[in-house]
Amino acid sequence: MLIPFPGTASDQDGDVAAGGCHALARALELSRHMLSLAHEGDWDAVARCESQRRSYLAVALDAGHDTRHGELIADALAAILQLNEELVSLLGEARLQLSRAGSQQRRSLRAVDTYAANATPSR
C-alpha cells in the first residue's frame, strides 16, 4: 500500500519533489514487504530488496521537497525507521537461532565421529 503522497500519481512532468515523494512511498512499501519476508524467514529475498530500497531512499533524500508536506515526509521516514528496527530485531533472532543450530550440528558431528572411531574394528 502506498502512502498518498502529493504528486505521486504521475512523475511525468519531471517534478523532482514529486519524484522524491514517490521514491519515499516506494521505499516504505518495500520496507513493509521486507518485514513480511523476514517473518517468513526468507532472508535471501530481504537482502535482494535492500539494494532497491536504498536506491529509493537515495532518490527521496536527494530530491527537493515541498515544505508543506514536511510532516508527511517525516512520518514516512519514521515508519521506515520503525520497520527497519523490526527487521534488525528479527535478524538478531535469526542469527541466534542459526548459531544454536550450528552448535547442535557440531555436537552431533563430534558424536558421529566418536561413534565411527569406536565402532570400527581394530585390525
N, C-alpha and C. Protein backbone atom coordinates (compact mmCIF):
# COMPACT_ATOMS: atom_id res chain seq x y z
N MET A 1 0.83 -1.17 0.00
CA MET A 1 0.00 0.00 0.00
C MET A 1 0.88 1.24 0.00
N LEU A 2 0.63 2.14 -0.88
CA LEU A 2 1.39 3.38 -0.96
C LEU A 2 0.75 4.47 -0.13
N ILE A 3 1.59 5.28 0.50
CA ILE A 3 1.08 6.47 1.18
C ILE A 3 0.67 7.45 0.10
N PRO A 4 -0.46 8.11 0.25
CA PRO A 4 -0.91 9.04 -0.80
C PRO A 4 -0.13 10.35 -0.75
N PHE A 5 1.14 10.29 -1.14
CA PHE A 5 1.95 11.49 -1.18
C PHE A 5 1.45 12.40 -2.29
N PRO A 6 1.54 13.69 -2.08
CA PRO A 6 1.16 14.62 -3.13
C PRO A 6 2.04 14.43 -4.35
N GLY A 7 1.44 14.40 -5.50
CA GLY A 7 2.21 14.32 -6.73
C GLY A 7 2.70 12.95 -7.11
N THR A 8 2.30 11.89 -6.41
CA THR A 8 2.80 10.57 -6.74
C THR A 8 2.00 9.89 -7.84
N ALA A 9 0.88 10.46 -8.19
CA ALA A 9 0.07 9.84 -9.24
C ALA A 9 0.80 9.86 -10.57
N SER A 10 1.62 10.88 -10.81
CA SER A 10 2.34 10.97 -12.07
C SER A 10 3.62 11.76 -11.88
N ASP A 11 4.72 11.13 -12.27
CA ASP A 11 6.01 11.80 -12.24
C ASP A 11 6.38 12.29 -13.64
N GLN A 12 5.45 12.23 -14.58
CA GLN A 12 5.77 12.51 -15.97
C GLN A 12 6.13 13.96 -16.21
N ASP A 13 5.74 14.86 -15.35
CA ASP A 13 6.07 16.26 -15.55
C ASP A 13 7.50 16.59 -15.13
N GLY A 14 8.23 15.59 -14.62
CA GLY A 14 9.62 15.80 -14.26
C GLY A 14 9.78 16.53 -12.94
N ASP A 15 8.74 16.67 -12.19
CA ASP A 15 8.80 17.37 -10.91
C ASP A 15 9.67 16.57 -9.94
N VAL A 16 10.80 17.15 -9.55
CA VAL A 16 11.75 16.46 -8.69
C VAL A 16 11.12 16.15 -7.34
N ALA A 17 10.37 17.09 -6.77
CA ALA A 17 9.75 16.85 -5.47
C ALA A 17 8.77 15.69 -5.53
N ALA A 18 7.96 15.65 -6.58
CA ALA A 18 7.01 14.55 -6.73
C ALA A 18 7.74 13.23 -6.88
N GLY A 19 8.83 13.23 -7.63
CA GLY A 19 9.63 12.01 -7.79
C GLY A 19 10.21 11.55 -6.46
N GLY A 20 10.63 12.53 -5.64
CA GLY A 20 11.15 12.20 -4.32
C GLY A 20 10.09 11.60 -3.42
N CYS A 21 8.88 12.15 -3.48
CA CYS A 21 7.77 11.61 -2.69
C CYS A 21 7.41 10.21 -3.15
N HIS A 22 7.40 10.03 -4.45
CA HIS A 22 7.09 8.71 -5.00
C HIS A 22 8.15 7.70 -4.54
N ALA A 23 9.41 8.08 -4.61
CA ALA A 23 10.50 7.18 -4.19
C ALA A 23 10.38 6.86 -2.71
N LEU A 24 10.00 7.84 -1.90
CA LEU A 24 9.84 7.60 -0.46
C LEU A 24 8.68 6.65 -0.21
N ALA A 25 7.60 6.82 -0.93
CA ALA A 25 6.45 5.91 -0.80
C ALA A 25 6.84 4.49 -1.20
N ARG A 26 7.62 4.37 -2.27
CA ARG A 26 8.08 3.04 -2.70
C ARG A 26 9.01 2.41 -1.66
N ALA A 27 9.88 3.23 -1.05
CA ALA A 27 10.78 2.73 -0.01
C ALA A 27 9.97 2.22 1.19
N LEU A 28 8.91 2.93 1.54
CA LEU A 28 8.06 2.49 2.65
C LEU A 28 7.35 1.18 2.30
N GLU A 29 6.81 1.12 1.11
CA GLU A 29 6.13 -0.09 0.65
C GLU A 29 7.11 -1.27 0.64
N LEU A 30 8.30 -1.05 0.15
CA LEU A 30 9.30 -2.11 0.09
C LEU A 30 9.74 -2.51 1.49
N SER A 31 9.84 -1.58 2.41
CA SER A 31 10.21 -1.89 3.80
C SER A 31 9.16 -2.82 4.43
N ARG A 32 7.91 -2.56 4.17
CA ARG A 32 6.84 -3.43 4.68
C ARG A 32 6.96 -4.83 4.08
N HIS A 33 7.24 -4.88 2.79
CA HIS A 33 7.40 -6.17 2.12
C HIS A 33 8.59 -6.93 2.70
N MET A 34 9.68 -6.22 2.94
CA MET A 34 10.87 -6.85 3.51
C MET A 34 10.58 -7.43 4.89
N LEU A 35 9.80 -6.72 5.69
CA LEU A 35 9.45 -7.22 7.02
C LEU A 35 8.61 -8.50 6.90
N SER A 36 7.71 -8.51 5.95
CA SER A 36 6.90 -9.71 5.70
C SER A 36 7.81 -10.89 5.30
N LEU A 37 8.76 -10.63 4.42
CA LEU A 37 9.70 -11.67 4.01
C LEU A 37 10.53 -12.16 5.20
N ALA A 38 10.92 -11.24 6.06
CA ALA A 38 11.70 -11.61 7.24
C ALA A 38 10.90 -12.51 8.17
N HIS A 39 9.61 -12.20 8.34
CA HIS A 39 8.75 -13.05 9.18
C HIS A 39 8.64 -14.45 8.59
N GLU A 40 8.75 -14.56 7.28
CA GLU A 40 8.71 -15.86 6.61
C GLU A 40 10.06 -16.55 6.63
N GLY A 41 11.10 -15.83 7.07
CA GLY A 41 12.45 -16.40 7.11
C GLY A 41 13.16 -16.37 5.78
N ASP A 42 12.67 -15.59 4.84
CA ASP A 42 13.29 -15.52 3.51
C ASP A 42 14.33 -14.40 3.48
N TRP A 43 15.45 -14.64 4.14
CA TRP A 43 16.48 -13.61 4.28
C TRP A 43 17.19 -13.31 2.97
N ASP A 44 17.25 -14.27 2.07
CA ASP A 44 17.85 -14.00 0.75
C ASP A 44 17.02 -12.95 0.01
N ALA A 45 15.71 -13.06 0.07
CA ALA A 45 14.83 -12.08 -0.59
C ALA A 45 14.94 -10.72 0.10
N VAL A 46 15.06 -10.71 1.43
CA VAL A 46 15.22 -9.45 2.16
C VAL A 46 16.49 -8.75 1.67
N ALA A 47 17.56 -9.50 1.55
CA ALA A 47 18.84 -8.92 1.11
C ALA A 47 18.73 -8.38 -0.32
N ARG A 48 18.02 -9.11 -1.19
CA ARG A 48 17.85 -8.64 -2.57
C ARG A 48 17.05 -7.34 -2.61
N CYS A 49 16.07 -7.19 -1.74
CA CYS A 49 15.23 -5.99 -1.70
C CYS A 49 15.99 -4.78 -1.15
N GLU A 50 16.98 -5.02 -0.31
CA GLU A 50 17.66 -3.92 0.37
C GLU A 50 18.31 -2.94 -0.60
N SER A 51 18.93 -3.43 -1.66
CA SER A 51 19.59 -2.51 -2.59
C SER A 51 18.57 -1.62 -3.30
N GLN A 52 17.42 -2.18 -3.62
CA GLN A 52 16.37 -1.38 -4.25
C GLN A 52 15.83 -0.34 -3.28
N ARG A 53 15.65 -0.75 -2.04
CA ARG A 53 15.16 0.19 -1.03
C ARG A 53 16.16 1.33 -0.83
N ARG A 54 17.44 1.01 -0.82
CA ARG A 54 18.47 2.05 -0.69
C ARG A 54 18.41 3.02 -1.87
N SER A 55 18.16 2.49 -3.05
CA SER A 55 18.06 3.35 -4.23
C SER A 55 16.88 4.31 -4.09
N TYR A 56 15.74 3.78 -3.68
CA TYR A 56 14.56 4.64 -3.48
C TYR A 56 14.84 5.71 -2.43
N LEU A 57 15.46 5.31 -1.33
CA LEU A 57 15.76 6.28 -0.27
C LEU A 57 16.74 7.34 -0.75
N ALA A 58 17.72 6.94 -1.54
CA ALA A 58 18.68 7.92 -2.06
C ALA A 58 17.98 8.95 -2.94
N VAL A 59 17.09 8.48 -3.81
CA VAL A 59 16.33 9.40 -4.67
C VAL A 59 15.46 10.31 -3.80
N ALA A 60 14.80 9.72 -2.81
CA ALA A 60 13.90 10.51 -1.96
C ALA A 60 14.66 11.57 -1.18
N LEU A 61 15.81 11.22 -0.66
CA LEU A 61 16.56 12.16 0.17
C LEU A 61 17.30 13.20 -0.65
N ASP A 62 17.61 12.87 -1.91
CA ASP A 62 18.29 13.83 -2.79
C ASP A 62 17.32 14.83 -3.43
N ALA A 63 16.05 14.44 -3.49
CA ALA A 63 15.06 15.29 -4.16
C ALA A 63 14.66 16.46 -3.26
N GLY A 64 14.28 17.52 -3.89
CA GLY A 64 13.74 18.64 -3.13
C GLY A 64 12.33 18.30 -2.69
N HIS A 65 11.92 18.79 -1.56
CA HIS A 65 10.57 18.51 -1.06
C HIS A 65 9.85 19.81 -0.76
N ASP A 66 8.60 19.80 -1.04
CA ASP A 66 7.75 20.94 -0.71
C ASP A 66 7.58 20.98 0.80
N THR A 67 7.91 22.08 1.42
CA THR A 67 7.86 22.18 2.88
C THR A 67 6.44 22.00 3.43
N ARG A 68 5.44 22.18 2.59
CA ARG A 68 4.06 21.96 3.04
C ARG A 68 3.80 20.51 3.40
N HIS A 69 4.65 19.60 2.89
CA HIS A 69 4.44 18.17 3.12
C HIS A 69 5.50 17.60 4.06
N GLY A 70 6.16 18.48 4.79
CA GLY A 70 7.24 18.04 5.68
C GLY A 70 6.80 17.04 6.73
N GLU A 71 5.62 17.25 7.29
CA GLU A 71 5.14 16.32 8.33
C GLU A 71 4.86 14.94 7.75
N LEU A 72 4.28 14.90 6.57
CA LEU A 72 4.00 13.62 5.91
C LEU A 72 5.31 12.88 5.59
N ILE A 73 6.29 13.62 5.12
CA ILE A 73 7.58 13.02 4.80
C ILE A 73 8.26 12.51 6.07
N ALA A 74 8.20 13.31 7.13
CA ALA A 74 8.78 12.89 8.41
C ALA A 74 8.09 11.63 8.94
N ASP A 75 6.78 11.56 8.79
CA ASP A 75 6.04 10.37 9.23
C ASP A 75 6.46 9.14 8.44
N ALA A 76 6.64 9.31 7.14
CA ALA A 76 7.06 8.18 6.30
C ALA A 76 8.45 7.72 6.69
N LEU A 77 9.36 8.65 6.92
CA LEU A 77 10.72 8.28 7.34
C LEU A 77 10.71 7.60 8.70
N ALA A 78 9.86 8.07 9.61
CA ALA A 78 9.74 7.43 10.92
C ALA A 78 9.20 6.01 10.79
N ALA A 79 8.24 5.82 9.90
CA ALA A 79 7.68 4.48 9.68
C ALA A 79 8.74 3.55 9.09
N ILE A 80 9.53 4.05 8.14
CA ILE A 80 10.60 3.23 7.56
C ILE A 80 11.62 2.87 8.63
N LEU A 81 11.96 3.81 9.50
CA LEU A 81 12.90 3.54 10.58
C LEU A 81 12.35 2.48 11.52
N GLN A 82 11.08 2.57 11.87
CA GLN A 82 10.47 1.58 12.76
C GLN A 82 10.49 0.19 12.11
N LEU A 83 10.12 0.13 10.84
CA LEU A 83 10.14 -1.15 10.13
C LEU A 83 11.56 -1.72 10.08
N ASN A 84 12.53 -0.84 9.87
CA ASN A 84 13.91 -1.29 9.82
C ASN A 84 14.36 -1.82 11.18
N GLU A 85 13.93 -1.17 12.26
CA GLU A 85 14.27 -1.66 13.60
C GLU A 85 13.67 -3.03 13.84
N GLU A 86 12.45 -3.26 13.36
CA GLU A 86 11.84 -4.58 13.47
C GLU A 86 12.63 -5.61 12.66
N LEU A 87 13.07 -5.20 11.47
CA LEU A 87 13.89 -6.10 10.64
C LEU A 87 15.18 -6.48 11.37
N VAL A 88 15.84 -5.50 11.95
CA VAL A 88 17.10 -5.75 12.67
C VAL A 88 16.85 -6.68 13.85
N SER A 89 15.74 -6.49 14.54
CA SER A 89 15.40 -7.37 15.66
C SER A 89 15.19 -8.81 15.19
N LEU A 90 14.44 -8.96 14.10
CA LEU A 90 14.22 -10.31 13.55
C LEU A 90 15.53 -10.92 13.06
N LEU A 91 16.39 -10.10 12.50
CA LEU A 91 17.70 -10.58 12.05
C LEU A 91 18.50 -11.10 13.24
N GLY A 92 18.47 -10.37 14.34
CA GLY A 92 19.18 -10.82 15.54
C GLY A 92 18.66 -12.16 16.02
N GLU A 93 17.33 -12.31 16.03
CA GLU A 93 16.73 -13.59 16.43
C GLU A 93 17.14 -14.71 15.48
N ALA A 94 17.14 -14.44 14.18
CA ALA A 94 17.52 -15.45 13.19
C ALA A 94 18.98 -15.86 13.36
N ARG A 95 19.84 -14.89 13.62
CA ARG A 95 21.26 -15.20 13.85
C ARG A 95 21.43 -16.09 15.07
N LEU A 96 20.72 -15.78 16.13
CA LEU A 96 20.81 -16.58 17.35
C LEU A 96 20.34 -18.00 17.09
N GLN A 97 19.23 -18.15 16.37
CA GLN A 97 18.73 -19.49 16.04
C GLN A 97 19.74 -20.27 15.19
N LEU A 98 20.34 -19.59 14.21
CA LEU A 98 21.34 -20.26 13.38
C LEU A 98 22.57 -20.65 14.18
N SER A 99 22.96 -19.79 15.09
CA SER A 99 24.10 -20.09 15.94
C SER A 99 23.83 -21.32 16.80
N ARG A 100 22.63 -21.36 17.38
CA ARG A 100 22.25 -22.53 18.20
C ARG A 100 22.20 -23.79 17.35
N ALA A 101 21.64 -23.68 16.16
CA ALA A 101 21.55 -24.84 15.27
C ALA A 101 22.95 -25.30 14.86
N GLY A 102 23.83 -24.35 14.60
CA GLY A 102 25.20 -24.70 14.24
C GLY A 102 25.92 -25.39 15.38
N SER A 103 25.71 -24.93 16.59
CA SER A 103 26.32 -25.56 17.77
C SER A 103 25.82 -26.99 17.92
N GLN A 104 24.53 -27.17 17.74
CA GLN A 104 23.95 -28.51 17.84
C GLN A 104 24.51 -29.43 16.75
N GLN A 105 24.68 -28.91 15.54
CA GLN A 105 25.23 -29.72 14.46
C GLN A 105 26.68 -30.11 14.75
N ARG A 106 27.46 -29.18 15.31
CA ARG A 106 28.85 -29.50 15.66
C ARG A 106 28.90 -30.60 16.72
N ARG A 107 28.01 -30.52 17.72
CA ARG A 107 27.96 -31.58 18.75
C ARG A 107 27.58 -32.91 18.13
N SER A 108 26.61 -32.89 17.22
CA SER A 108 26.18 -34.12 16.55
C SER A 108 27.31 -34.69 15.71
N LEU A 109 28.04 -33.84 15.02
CA LEU A 109 29.16 -34.31 14.19
C LEU A 109 30.24 -34.95 15.06
N ARG A 110 30.54 -34.34 16.20
CA ARG A 110 31.54 -34.92 17.11
C ARG A 110 31.06 -36.28 17.61
N ALA A 111 29.77 -36.39 17.92
CA ALA A 111 29.23 -37.67 18.39
C ALA A 111 29.33 -38.73 17.30
N VAL A 112 29.03 -38.37 16.08
CA VAL A 112 29.13 -39.31 14.96
C VAL A 112 30.58 -39.72 14.76
N ASP A 113 31.49 -38.76 14.82
CA ASP A 113 32.92 -39.06 14.66
C ASP A 113 33.40 -40.00 15.77
N THR A 114 32.95 -39.75 17.00
CA THR A 114 33.34 -40.60 18.13
C THR A 114 32.80 -42.01 17.94
N TYR A 115 31.54 -42.10 17.52
CA TYR A 115 30.95 -43.41 17.28
C TYR A 115 31.71 -44.14 16.17
N ALA A 116 31.98 -43.42 15.08
CA ALA A 116 32.68 -44.04 13.95
C ALA A 116 34.06 -44.53 14.37
N ALA A 117 34.75 -43.73 15.18
CA ALA A 117 36.09 -44.14 15.63
C ALA A 117 36.05 -45.35 16.53
N ASN A 118 35.01 -45.48 17.35
CA ASN A 118 34.90 -46.61 18.28
C ASN A 118 34.21 -47.82 17.66
N ALA A 119 33.42 -47.61 16.63
CA ALA A 119 32.68 -48.72 16.02
C ALA A 119 33.51 -49.47 14.99
N THR A 120 34.59 -48.85 14.52
CA THR A 120 35.41 -49.50 13.51
C THR A 120 36.33 -50.52 14.21
N PRO A 121 36.23 -51.77 13.80
CA PRO A 121 37.06 -52.79 14.45
C PRO A 121 38.54 -52.54 14.18
N SER A 122 39.34 -52.77 15.21
CA SER A 122 40.79 -52.64 15.06
C SER A 122 41.32 -53.85 14.34
N ARG A 123 42.32 -53.67 13.55
CA ARG A 123 42.88 -54.82 12.81
C ARG A 123 44.24 -55.16 13.33
